[in-house]
Amino acid sequence: MSAEGTWNLSIRTPVGKIHAVVDLHRQDGVLTGTARRDGEEVPLTGVVLDGDRLTWTQAVTKPLRLNLAFDVTIDGDTLAGTSRAGRMPASKVTGERRTATEDRS
């Protein structure tokens, strides 16, 4: 299972739907990445791919300062799972891997 690539994420939060872009790649055999949204780019930490299950954490400052923990399952070029900020209820996450055509645009 490959998680590498650029993913368009949609996160359903209590304050509405949030869209983000996650870039994942291997560097020296380690899966790393970044997330972008509203001009903010943050590194992903603790990125782990175990079979089809992908987990990572990230800190954001917009719209609030939050530490987010993602737990998703990859199925080909789609993913689905949850994102959790501390003790808040989990938010539903869905995503699609961008095609090479989308990456050039």
PDB file of N, CA and C in Angstrom:
ATOM      1  N   MET A   1       0.857  -1.192   0.000  1.00  0.00           N
ATOM      2  CA  MET A   1       0.000   0.000   0.000  1.00  0.00           C
ATOM      3  C   MET A   1       0.893   1.241   0.000  1.00  0.00           C
ATOM      4  N   SER A   2       0.616   2.153  -0.884  1.00  0.00           N
ATOM      5  CA  SER A   2       1.378   3.389  -0.961  1.00  0.00           C
ATOM      6  C   SER A   2       0.528   4.560  -0.488  1.00  0.00           C
ATOM      7  N   ALA A   3       1.113   5.367   0.375  1.00  0.00           N
ATOM      8  CA  ALA A   3       0.433   6.575   0.841  1.00  0.00           C
ATOM      9  C   ALA A   3       1.017   7.804   0.169  1.00  0.00           C
ATOM     10  N   GLU A   4       2.122   7.621  -0.547  1.00  0.00           N
ATOM     11  CA  GLU A   4       2.825   8.750  -1.130  1.00  0.00           C
ATOM     12  C   GLU A   4       1.988   9.453  -2.185  1.00  0.00           C
ATOM     13  N   GLY A   5       2.139  10.771  -2.241  1.00  0.00           N
ATOM     14  CA  GLY A   5       1.416  11.576  -3.209  1.00  0.00           C
ATOM     15  C   GLY A   5       0.812  12.802  -2.542  1.00  0.00           C
ATOM     16  N   THR A   6      -0.020  13.484  -3.306  1.00  0.00           N
ATOM     17  CA  THR A   6      -0.706  14.679  -2.820  1.00  0.00           C
ATOM     18  C   THR A   6      -2.175  14.338  -2.666  1.00  0.00           C
ATOM     19  N   TRP A   7      -2.703  14.628  -1.490  1.00  0.00           N
ATOM     20  CA  TRP A   7      -4.076  14.267  -1.139  1.00  0.00           C
ATOM     21  C   TRP A   7      -4.899  15.525  -0.872  1.00  0.00           C
ATOM     22  N   ASN A   8      -6.101  15.569  -1.437  1.00  0.00           N
ATOM     23  CA  ASN A   8      -7.076  16.609  -1.119  1.00  0.00           C
ATOM     24  C   ASN A   8      -7.952  16.072   0.009  1.00  0.00           C
ATOM     25  N   LEU A   9      -7.892  16.708   1.174  1.00  0.00           N
ATOM     26  CA  LEU A   9      -8.665  16.258   2.334  1.00  0.00           C
ATOM     27  C   LEU A   9      -9.868  17.157   2.584  1.00  0.00           C
ATOM     28  N   SER A  10     -10.921  16.546   3.086  1.00  0.00           N
ATOM     29  CA  SER A  10     -12.104  17.256   3.541  1.00  0.00           C
ATOM     30  C   SER A  10     -12.376  16.778   4.963  1.00  0.00           C
ATOM     31  N   ILE A  11     -12.448  17.734   5.900  1.00  0.00           N
ATOM     32  CA  ILE A  11     -12.632  17.397   7.315  1.00  0.00           C
ATOM     33  C   ILE A  11     -13.931  18.046   7.794  1.00  0.00           C
ATOM     34  N   ARG A  12     -14.861  17.211   8.255  1.00  0.00           N
ATOM     35  CA  ARG A  12     -16.148  17.732   8.760  1.00  0.00           C
ATOM     36  C   ARG A  12     -16.006  18.023  10.250  1.00  0.00           C
ATOM     37  N   THR A  13     -15.963  19.305  10.591  1.00  0.00           N
ATOM     38  CA  THR A  13     -15.794  19.718  11.982  1.00  0.00           C
ATOM     39  C   THR A  13     -17.099  20.295  12.507  1.00  0.00           C
ATOM     40  N   PRO A  14     -17.196  20.492  13.822  1.00  0.00           N
ATOM     41  CA  PRO A  14     -18.414  21.114  14.375  1.00  0.00           C
ATOM     42  C   PRO A  14     -18.664  22.522  13.830  1.00  0.00           C
ATOM     43  N   VAL A  15     -17.614  23.190  13.319  1.00  0.00           N
ATOM     44  CA  VAL A  15     -17.779  24.551  12.795  1.00  0.00           C
ATOM     45  C   VAL A  15     -17.869  24.579  11.272  1.00  0.00           C
ATOM     46  N   GLY A  16     -17.991  23.412  10.642  1.00  0.00           N
ATOM     47  CA  GLY A  16     -18.122  23.355   9.197  1.00  0.00           C
ATOM     48  C   GLY A  16     -17.027  22.524   8.549  1.00  0.00           C
ATOM     49  N   LYS A  17     -17.123  22.401   7.242  1.00  0.00           N
ATOM     50  CA  LYS A  17     -16.172  21.591   6.485  1.00  0.00           C
ATOM     51  C   LYS A  17     -14.895  22.377   6.218  1.00  0.00           C
ATOM     52  N   ILE A  18     -13.760  21.735   6.429  1.00  0.00           N
ATOM     53  CA  ILE A  18     -12.451  22.330   6.187  1.00  0.00           C
ATOM     54  C   ILE A  18     -11.757  21.511   5.104  1.00  0.00           C
ATOM     55  N   HIS A  19     -11.128  22.211   4.160  1.00  0.00           N
ATOM     56  CA  HIS A  19     -10.384  21.543   3.101  1.00  0.00           C
ATOM     57  C   HIS A  19      -8.894  21.799   3.298  1.00  0.00           C
ATOM     58  N   ALA A  20      -8.084  20.772   3.093  1.00  0.00           N
ATOM     59  CA  ALA A  20      -6.634  20.887   3.231  1.00  0.00           C
ATOM     60  C   ALA A  20      -5.968  20.010   2.184  1.00  0.00           C
ATOM     61  N   VAL A  21      -4.696  20.267   1.943  1.00  0.00           N
ATOM     62  CA  VAL A  21      -3.900  19.468   1.016  1.00  0.00           C
ATOM     63  C   VAL A  21      -2.735  18.876   1.812  1.00  0.00           C
ATOM     64  N   VAL A  22      -2.574  17.565   1.700  1.00  0.00           N
ATOM     65  CA  VAL A  22      -1.490  16.863   2.391  1.00  0.00           C
ATOM     66  C   VAL A  22      -0.564  16.255   1.350  1.00  0.00           C
ATOM     67  N   ASP A  23       0.729  16.539   1.489  1.00  0.00           N
ATOM     68  CA  ASP A  23       1.754  15.959   0.621  1.00  0.00           C
ATOM     69  C   ASP A  23       2.545  14.941   1.424  1.00  0.00           C
ATOM     70  N   LEU A  24       2.607  13.706   0.934  1.00  0.00           N
ATOM     71  CA  LEU A  24       3.359  12.638   1.602  1.00  0.00           C
ATOM     72  C   LEU A  24       4.433  12.099   0.674  1.00  0.00           C
ATOM     73  N   HIS A  25       5.639  11.902   1.207  1.00  0.00           N
ATOM     74  CA  HIS A  25       6.728  11.334   0.420  1.00  0.00           C
ATOM     75  C   HIS A  25       7.700  10.601   1.344  1.00  0.00           C
ATOM     76  N   ARG A  26       8.517   9.756   0.749  1.00  0.00           N
ATOM     77  CA  ARG A  26       9.536   9.035   1.509  1.00  0.00           C
ATOM     78  C   ARG A  26      10.858   9.771   1.394  1.00  0.00           C
ATOM     79  N   GLN A  27      11.494   9.945   2.532  1.00  0.00           N
ATOM     80  CA  GLN A  27      12.816  10.569   2.572  1.00  0.00           C
ATOM     81  C   GLN A  27      13.705   9.672   3.412  1.00  0.00           C
ATOM     82  N   ASP A  28      14.744   9.122   2.796  1.00  0.00           N
ATOM     83  CA  ASP A  28      15.641   8.175   3.470  1.00  0.00           C
ATOM     84  C   ASP A  28      14.863   7.009   4.065  1.00  0.00           C
ATOM     85  N   GLY A  29      13.841   6.541   3.335  1.00  0.00           N
ATOM     86  CA  GLY A  29      13.056   5.396   3.762  1.00  0.00           C
ATOM     87  C   GLY A  29      11.984   5.700   4.789  1.00  0.00           C
ATOM     88  N   VAL A  30      11.860   6.970   5.187  1.00  0.00           N
ATOM     89  CA  VAL A  30      10.884   7.372   6.208  1.00  0.00           C
ATOM     90  C   VAL A  30       9.776   8.186   5.554  1.00  0.00           C
ATOM     91  N   LEU A  31       8.533   7.865   5.875  1.00  0.00           N
ATOM     92  CA  LEU A  31       7.390   8.603   5.349  1.00  0.00           C
ATOM     93  C   LEU A  31       7.272   9.934   6.084  1.00  0.00           C
ATOM     94  N   THR A  32       7.287  11.036   5.325  1.00  0.00           N
ATOM     95  CA  THR A  32       7.172  12.377   5.897  1.00  0.00           C
ATOM     96  C   THR A  32       6.154  13.155   5.084  1.00  0.00           C
ATOM     97  N   GLY A  33       5.821  14.353   5.559  1.00  0.00           N
ATOM     98  CA  GLY A  33       4.889  15.150   4.789  1.00  0.00           C
ATOM     99  C   GLY A  33       4.587  16.497   5.387  1.00  0.00           C
ATOM    100  N   THR A  34       3.747  17.235   4.656  1.00  0.00           N
ATOM    101  CA  THR A  34       3.282  18.546   5.091  1.00  0.00           C
ATOM    102  C   THR A  34       1.791  18.664   4.786  1.00  0.00           C
ATOM    103  N   ALA A  35       1.144  19.574   5.498  1.00  0.00           N
ATOM    104  CA  ALA A  35      -0.265  19.890   5.261  1.00  0.00           C
ATOM    105  C   ALA A  35      -0.373  21.384   4.990  1.00  0.00           C
ATOM    106  N   ARG A  36      -1.232  21.762   4.024  1.00  0.00           N
ATOM    107  CA  ARG A  36      -1.433  23.163   3.675  1.00  0.00           C
ATOM    108  C   ARG A  36      -2.909  23.513   3.722  1.00  0.00           C
ATOM    109  N   ARG A  37      -3.156  24.731   4.245  1.00  0.00           N
ATOM    110  CA  ARG A  37      -4.519  25.265   4.263  1.00  0.00           C
ATOM    111  C   ARG A  37      -4.447  26.750   4.574  1.00  0.00           C
ATOM    112  N   ASP A  38      -5.168  27.559   3.812  1.00  0.00           N
ATOM    113  CA  ASP A  38      -5.262  29.007   4.051  1.00  0.00           C
ATOM    114  C   ASP A  38      -3.903  29.668   4.245  1.00  0.00           C
ATOM    115  N   GLY A  39      -2.935  29.334   3.400  1.00  0.00           N
ATOM    116  CA  GLY A  39      -1.625  29.971   3.477  1.00  0.00           C
ATOM    117  C   GLY A  39      -0.723  29.444   4.570  1.00  0.00           C
ATOM    118  N   GLU A  40      -1.195  28.510   5.358  1.00  0.00           N
ATOM    119  CA  GLU A  40      -0.386  27.926   6.425  1.00  0.00           C
ATOM    120  C   GLU A  40       0.105  26.548   5.968  1.00  0.00           C
ATOM    121  N   GLU A  41       1.397  26.298   6.129  1.00  0.00           N
ATOM    122  CA  GLU A  41       1.959  24.984   5.822  1.00  0.00           C
ATOM    123  C   GLU A  41       2.630  24.457   7.084  1.00  0.00           C
ATOM    124  N   VAL A  42       2.242  23.246   7.498  1.00  0.00           N
ATOM    125  CA  VAL A  42       2.784  22.665   8.730  1.00  0.00           C
ATOM    126  C   VAL A  42       3.323  21.271   8.449  1.00  0.00           C
ATOM    127  N   PRO A  43       4.385  20.891   9.170  1.00  0.00           N
ATOM    128  CA  PRO A  43       4.923  19.540   8.990  1.00  0.00           C
ATOM    129  C   PRO A  43       4.046  18.502   9.685  1.00  0.00           C
ATOM    130  N   LEU A  44       4.007  17.314   9.103  1.00  0.00           N
ATOM    131  CA  LEU A  44       3.336  16.187   9.745  1.00  0.00           C
ATOM    132  C   LEU A  44       4.382  15.490  10.615  1.00  0.00           C
ATOM    133  N   THR A  45       3.971  15.021  11.781  1.00  0.00           N
ATOM    134  CA  THR A  45       4.892  14.308  12.665  1.00  0.00           C
ATOM    135  C   THR A  45       4.332  12.926  12.962  1.00  0.00           C
ATOM    136  N   GLY A  46       5.226  12.004  13.267  1.00  0.00           N
ATOM    137  CA  GLY A  46       4.804  10.653  13.621  1.00  0.00           C
ATOM    138  C   GLY A  46       4.032   9.956  12.535  1.00  0.00           C
ATOM    139  N   VAL A  47       4.412  10.163  11.271  1.00  0.00           N
ATOM    140  CA  VAL A  47       3.690   9.551  10.153  1.00  0.00           C
ATOM    141  C   VAL A  47       3.999   8.053  10.126  1.00  0.00           C
ATOM    142  N   VAL A  48       2.944   7.230  10.225  1.00  0.00           N
ATOM    143  CA  VAL A  48       3.112   5.774  10.233  1.00  0.00           C
ATOM    144  C   VAL A  48       2.094   5.142   9.295  1.00  0.00           C
ATOM    145  N   LEU A  49       2.594   4.303   8.385  1.00  0.00           N
ATOM    146  CA  LEU A  49       1.730   3.516   7.515  1.00  0.00           C
ATOM    147  C   LEU A  49       1.876   2.072   7.945  1.00  0.00           C
ATOM    148  N   ASP A  50       0.780   1.487   8.428  1.00  0.00           N
ATOM    149  CA  ASP A  50       0.756   0.098   8.882  1.00  0.00           C
ATOM    150  C   ASP A  50      -0.311  -0.628   8.085  1.00  0.00           C
ATOM    151  N   GLY A  51       0.107  -1.329   7.027  1.00  0.00           N
ATOM    152  CA  GLY A  51      -0.862  -1.937   6.118  1.00  0.00           C
ATOM    153  C   GLY A  51      -1.573  -0.840   5.360  1.00  0.00           C
ATOM    154  N   ASP A  52      -2.906  -0.742   5.514  1.00  0.00           N
ATOM    155  CA  ASP A  52      -3.660   0.325   4.859  1.00  0.00           C
ATOM    156  C   ASP A  52      -4.034   1.447   5.834  1.00  0.00           C
ATOM    157  N   ARG A  53      -3.543   1.360   7.079  1.00  0.00           N
ATOM    158  CA  ARG A  53      -3.849   2.374   8.098  1.00  0.00           C
ATOM    159  C   ARG A  53      -2.722   3.402   8.179  1.00  0.00           C
ATOM    160  N   LEU A  54      -3.077   4.674   8.040  1.00  0.00           N
ATOM    161  CA  LEU A  54      -2.128   5.776   8.076  1.00  0.00           C
ATOM    162  C   LEU A  54      -2.478   6.682   9.245  1.00  0.00           C
ATOM    163  N   THR A  55      -1.478   6.992  10.061  1.00  0.00           N
ATOM    164  CA  THR A  55      -1.690   7.901  11.192  1.00  0.00           C
ATOM    165  C   THR A  55      -0.617   8.983  11.175  1.00  0.00           C
ATOM    166  N   TRP A  56      -0.967  10.163  11.654  1.00  0.00           N
ATOM    167  CA  TRP A  56      -0.009  11.250  11.821  1.00  0.00           C
ATOM    168  C   TRP A  56      -0.607  12.299  12.739  1.00  0.00           C
ATOM    169  N   THR A  57       0.259  13.208  13.208  1.00  0.00           N
ATOM    170  CA  THR A  57      -0.193  14.356  13.986  1.00  0.00           C
ATOM    171  C   THR A  57       0.340  15.619  13.330  1.00  0.00           C
ATOM    172  N   GLN A  58      -0.334  16.715  13.610  1.00  0.00           N
ATOM    173  CA  GLN A  58       0.105  18.010  13.112  1.00  0.00           C
ATOM    174  C   GLN A  58      -0.443  19.098  14.019  1.00  0.00           C
ATOM    175  N   ALA A  59       0.288  20.211  14.090  1.00  0.00           N
ATOM    176  CA  ALA A  59      -0.151  21.370  14.863  1.00  0.00           C
ATOM    177  C   ALA A  59      -0.581  22.446  13.876  1.00  0.00           C
ATOM    178  N   VAL A  60      -1.729  23.068  14.130  1.00  0.00           N
ATOM    179  CA  VAL A  60      -2.207  24.158  13.282  1.00  0.00           C
ATOM    180  C   VAL A  60      -2.448  25.397  14.146  1.00  0.00           C
ATOM    181  N   THR A  61      -2.468  26.558  13.489  1.00  0.00           N
ATOM    182  CA  THR A  61      -2.756  27.799  14.217  1.00  0.00           C
ATOM    183  C   THR A  61      -4.018  28.477  13.707  1.00  0.00           C
ATOM    184  N   LYS A  62      -4.538  28.025  12.557  1.00  0.00           N
ATOM    185  CA  LYS A  62      -5.741  28.626  11.981  1.00  0.00           C
ATOM    186  C   LYS A  62      -6.817  27.565  11.844  1.00  0.00           C
ATOM    187  N   PRO A  63      -8.057  27.762  12.195  1.00  0.00           N
ATOM    188  CA  PRO A  63      -8.584  28.986  12.793  1.00  0.00           C
ATOM    189  C   PRO A  63      -8.246  29.111  14.282  1.00  0.00           C
ATOM    190  N   LEU A  64      -7.808  28.008  14.887  1.00  0.00           N
ATOM    191  CA  LEU A  64      -7.395  28.006  16.295  1.00  0.00           C
ATOM    192  C   LEU A  64      -6.095  27.242  16.421  1.00  0.00           C
ATOM    193  N   ARG A  65      -5.390  27.436  17.539  1.00  0.00           N
ATOM    194  CA  ARG A  65      -4.209  26.618  17.817  1.00  0.00           C
ATOM    195  C   ARG A  65      -4.683  25.256  18.298  1.00  0.00           C
ATOM    196  N   LEU A  66      -4.394  24.243  17.481  1.00  0.00           N
ATOM    197  CA  LEU A  66      -4.823  22.888  17.824  1.00  0.00           C
ATOM    198  C   LEU A  66      -3.743  21.891  17.442  1.00  0.00           C
ATOM    199  N   ASN A  67      -3.662  20.826  18.206  1.00  0.00           N
ATOM    200  CA  ASN A  67      -2.853  19.672  17.840  1.00  0.00           C
ATOM    201  C   ASN A  67      -3.831  18.610  17.361  1.00  0.00           C
ATOM    202  N   LEU A  68      -3.684  18.206  16.108  1.00  0.00           N
ATOM    203  CA  LEU A  68      -4.609  17.261  15.490  1.00  0.00           C
ATOM    204  C   LEU A  68      -3.960  15.902  15.334  1.00  0.00           C
ATOM    205  N   ALA A  69      -4.724  14.852  15.591  1.00  0.00           N
ATOM    206  CA  ALA A  69      -4.270  13.475  15.393  1.00  0.00           C
ATOM    207  C   ALA A  69      -5.174  12.835  14.350  1.00  0.00           C
ATOM    208  N   PHE A  70      -4.570  12.374  13.250  1.00  0.00           N
ATOM    209  CA  PHE A  70      -5.312  11.760  12.151  1.00  0.00           C
ATOM    210  C   PHE A  70      -5.140  10.249  12.180  1.00  0.00           C
ATOM    211  N   ASP A  71      -6.217   9.534  11.861  1.00  0.00           N
ATOM    212  CA  ASP A  71      -6.217   8.075  11.779  1.00  0.00           C
ATOM    213  C   ASP A  71      -7.128   7.711  10.618  1.00  0.00           C
ATOM    214  N   VAL A  72      -6.514   7.350   9.484  1.00  0.00           N
ATOM    215  CA  VAL A  72      -7.287   7.089   8.269  1.00  0.00           C
ATOM    216  C   VAL A  72      -6.903   5.746   7.673  1.00  0.00           C
ATOM    217  N   THR A  73      -7.780   5.227   6.830  1.00  0.00           N
ATOM    218  CA  THR A  73      -7.535   3.995   6.085  1.00  0.00           C
ATOM    219  C   THR A  73      -7.490   4.343   4.611  1.00  0.00           C
ATOM    220  N   ILE A  74      -6.432   3.879   3.942  1.00  0.00           N
ATOM    221  CA  ILE A  74      -6.272   4.136   2.509  1.00  0.00           C
ATOM    222  C   ILE A  74      -6.857   2.970   1.722  1.00  0.00           C
ATOM    223  N   ASP A  75      -7.627   3.312   0.689  1.00  0.00           N
ATOM    224  CA  ASP A  75      -8.189   2.317  -0.222  1.00  0.00           C
ATOM    225  C   ASP A  75      -7.900   2.812  -1.636  1.00  0.00           C
ATOM    226  N   GLY A  76      -6.759   2.397  -2.196  1.00  0.00           N
ATOM    227  CA  GLY A  76      -6.365   2.870  -3.519  1.00  0.00           C
ATOM    228  C   GLY A  76      -6.057   4.349  -3.499  1.00  0.00           C
ATOM    229  N   ASP A  77      -6.879   5.136  -4.219  1.00  0.00           N
ATOM    230  CA  ASP A  77      -6.663   6.577  -4.292  1.00  0.00           C
ATOM    231  C   ASP A  77      -7.644   7.368  -3.442  1.00  0.00           C
ATOM    232  N   THR A  78      -8.264   6.702  -2.466  1.00  0.00           N
ATOM    233  CA  THR A  78      -9.143   7.395  -1.525  1.00  0.00           C
ATOM    234  C   THR A  78      -8.729   7.038  -0.102  1.00  0.00           C
ATOM    235  N   LEU A  79      -9.120   7.875   0.826  1.00  0.00           N
ATOM    236  CA  LEU A  79      -8.891   7.576   2.236  1.00  0.00           C
ATOM    237  C   LEU A  79     -10.083   8.057   3.041  1.00  0.00           C
ATOM    238  N   ALA A  80     -10.262   7.470   4.201  1.00  0.00           N
ATOM    239  CA  ALA A  80     -11.358   7.856   5.088  1.00  0.00           C
ATOM    240  C   ALA A  80     -10.953   7.523   6.518  1.00  0.00           C
ATOM    241  N   GLY A  81     -11.411   8.338   7.451  1.00  0.00           N
ATOM    242  CA  GLY A  81     -11.102   8.091   8.852  1.00  0.00           C
ATOM    243  C   GLY A  81     -11.514   9.270   9.698  1.00  0.00           C
ATOM    244  N   THR A  82     -10.669   9.568  10.703  1.00  0.00           N
ATOM    245  CA  THR A  82     -11.020  10.627  11.645  1.00  0.00           C
ATOM    246  C   THR A  82      -9.817  11.516  11.967  1.00  0.00           C
ATOM    247  N   SER A  83     -10.137  12.687  12.446  1.00  0.00           N
ATOM    248  CA  SER A  83      -9.170  13.628  12.986  1.00  0.00           C
ATOM    249  C   SER A  83      -9.688  14.029  14.355  1.00  0.00           C
ATOM    250  N   ARG A  84      -8.788  14.095  15.312  1.00  0.00           N
ATOM    251  CA  ARG A  84      -9.204  14.436  16.668  1.00  0.00           C
ATOM    252  C   ARG A  84      -8.308  15.541  17.220  1.00  0.00           C
ATOM    253  N   ALA A  85      -8.923  16.524  17.852  1.00  0.00           N
ATOM    254  CA  ALA A  85      -8.204  17.618  18.505  1.00  0.00           C
ATOM    255  C   ALA A  85      -8.435  17.497  20.001  1.00  0.00           C
ATOM    256  N   GLY A  86      -7.436  16.968  20.700  1.00  0.00           N
ATOM    257  CA  GLY A  86      -7.548  16.827  22.149  1.00  0.00           C
ATOM    258  C   GLY A  86      -8.754  16.003  22.554  1.00  0.00           C
ATOM    259  N   ARG A  87      -9.561  16.552  23.459  1.00  0.00           N
ATOM    260  CA  ARG A  87     -10.735  15.834  23.960  1.00  0.00           C
ATOM    261  C   ARG A  87     -11.997  16.097  23.155  1.00  0.00           C
ATOM    262  N   MET A  88     -11.866  16.899  22.104  1.00  0.00           N
ATOM    263  CA  MET A  88     -13.034  17.210  21.276  1.00  0.00           C
ATOM    264  C   MET A  88     -13.476  15.955  20.533  1.00  0.00           C
ATOM    265  N   PRO A  89     -14.750  15.901  20.123  1.00  0.00           N
ATOM    266  CA  PRO A  89     -15.222  14.743  19.358  1.00  0.00           C
ATOM    267  C   PRO A  89     -14.440  14.608  18.057  1.00  0.00           C
ATOM    268  N   ALA A  90     -14.304  13.393  17.584  1.00  0.00           N
ATOM    269  CA  ALA A  90     -13.595  13.140  16.333  1.00  0.00           C
ATOM    270  C   ALA A  90     -14.366  13.740  15.163  1.00  0.00           C
ATOM    271  N   SER A  91     -13.619  14.251  14.186  1.00  0.00           N
ATOM    272  CA  SER A  91     -14.197  14.779  12.960  1.00  0.00           C
ATOM    273  C   SER A  91     -13.957  13.791  11.833  1.00  0.00           C
ATOM    274  N   LYS A  92     -14.933  13.638  10.957  1.00  0.00           N
ATOM    275  CA  LYS A  92     -14.816  12.710   9.828  1.00  0.00           C
ATOM    276  C   LYS A  92     -13.884  13.302   8.771  1.00  0.00           C
ATOM    277  N   VAL A  93     -12.970  12.472   8.279  1.00  0.00           N
ATOM    278  CA  VAL A  93     -12.015  12.882   7.249  1.00  0.00           C
ATOM    279  C   VAL A  93     -12.198  12.001   6.018  1.00  0.00           C
ATOM    280  N   THR A  94     -12.255  12.628   4.852  1.00  0.00           N
ATOM    281  CA  THR A  94     -12.229  11.888   3.589  1.00  0.00           C
ATOM    282  C   THR A  94     -11.187  12.554   2.705  1.00  0.00           C
ATOM    283  N   GLY A  95     -10.679  11.798   1.744  1.00  0.00           N
ATOM    284  CA  GLY A  95      -9.677  12.379   0.865  1.00  0.00           C
ATOM    285  C   GLY A  95      -9.508  11.597  -0.411  1.00  0.00           C
ATOM    286  N   GLU A  96      -8.951  12.292  -1.404  1.00  0.00           N
ATOM    287  CA  GLU A  96      -8.641  11.680  -2.691  1.00  0.00           C
ATOM    288  C   GLU A  96      -7.235  12.074  -3.100  1.00  0.00           C
ATOM    289  N   ARG A  97      -6.505  11.092  -3.636  1.00  0.00           N
ATOM    290  CA  ARG A  97      -5.162  11.366  -4.129  1.00  0.00           C
ATOM    291  C   ARG A  97      -5.283  12.145  -5.440  1.00  0.00           C
ATOM    292  N   ARG A  98      -4.484  13.202  -5.570  1.00  0.00           N
ATOM    293  CA  ARG A  98      -4.476  13.976  -6.810  1.00  0.00           C
ATOM    294  C   ARG A  98      -3.807  13.172  -7.916  1.00  0.00           C
ATOM    295  N   THR A  99      -4.277  13.406  -9.120  1.00  0.00           N
ATOM    296  CA  THR A  99      -3.650  12.775 -10.281  1.00  0.00           C
ATOM    297  C   THR A  99      -2.485  13.658 -10.734  1.00  0.00           C
ATOM    298  N   ALA A 100      -1.628  13.127 -11.583  1.00  0.00           N
ATOM    299  CA  ALA A 100      -0.508  13.900 -12.114  1.00  0.00           C
ATOM    300  C   ALA A 100      -1.005  15.135 -12.856  1.00  0.00           C
ATOM    301  N   THR A 101      -2.158  15.031 -13.524  1.00  0.00           N
ATOM    302  CA  THR A 101      -2.732  16.165 -14.244  1.00  0.00           C
ATOM    303  C   THR A 101      -3.100  17.291 -13.286  1.00  0.00           C
ATOM    304  N   GLU A 102      -3.696  16.959 -12.159  1.00  0.00           N
ATOM    305  CA  GLU A 102      -4.074  17.969 -11.160  1.00  0.00           C
ATOM    306  C   GLU A 102      -2.842  18.616 -10.573  1.00  0.00           C
ATOM    307  N   ASP A 103      -1.755  17.847 -10.361  1.00  0.00           N
ATOM    308  CA  ASP A 103      -0.543  18.388  -9.760  1.00  0.00           C
ATOM    309  C   ASP A 103       0.118  19.447 -10.663  1.00  0.00           C
ATOM    310  N   ARG A 104      -0.068  19.313 -11.980  1.00  0.00           N
ATOM    311  CA  ARG A 104       0.546  20.283 -12.892  1.00  0.00           C
ATOM    312  C   ARG A 104      -0.265  21.567 -13.006  1.00  0.00           C
ATOM    313  N   SER A 105      -1.505  21.555 -12.576  1.00  0.00           N
ATOM    314  CA  SER A 105      -2.352  22.742 -12.729  1.00  0.00           C
ATOM    315  C   SER A 105      -2.163  23.722 -11.595  1.00  0.00           C
TER     316      SER A 105
END
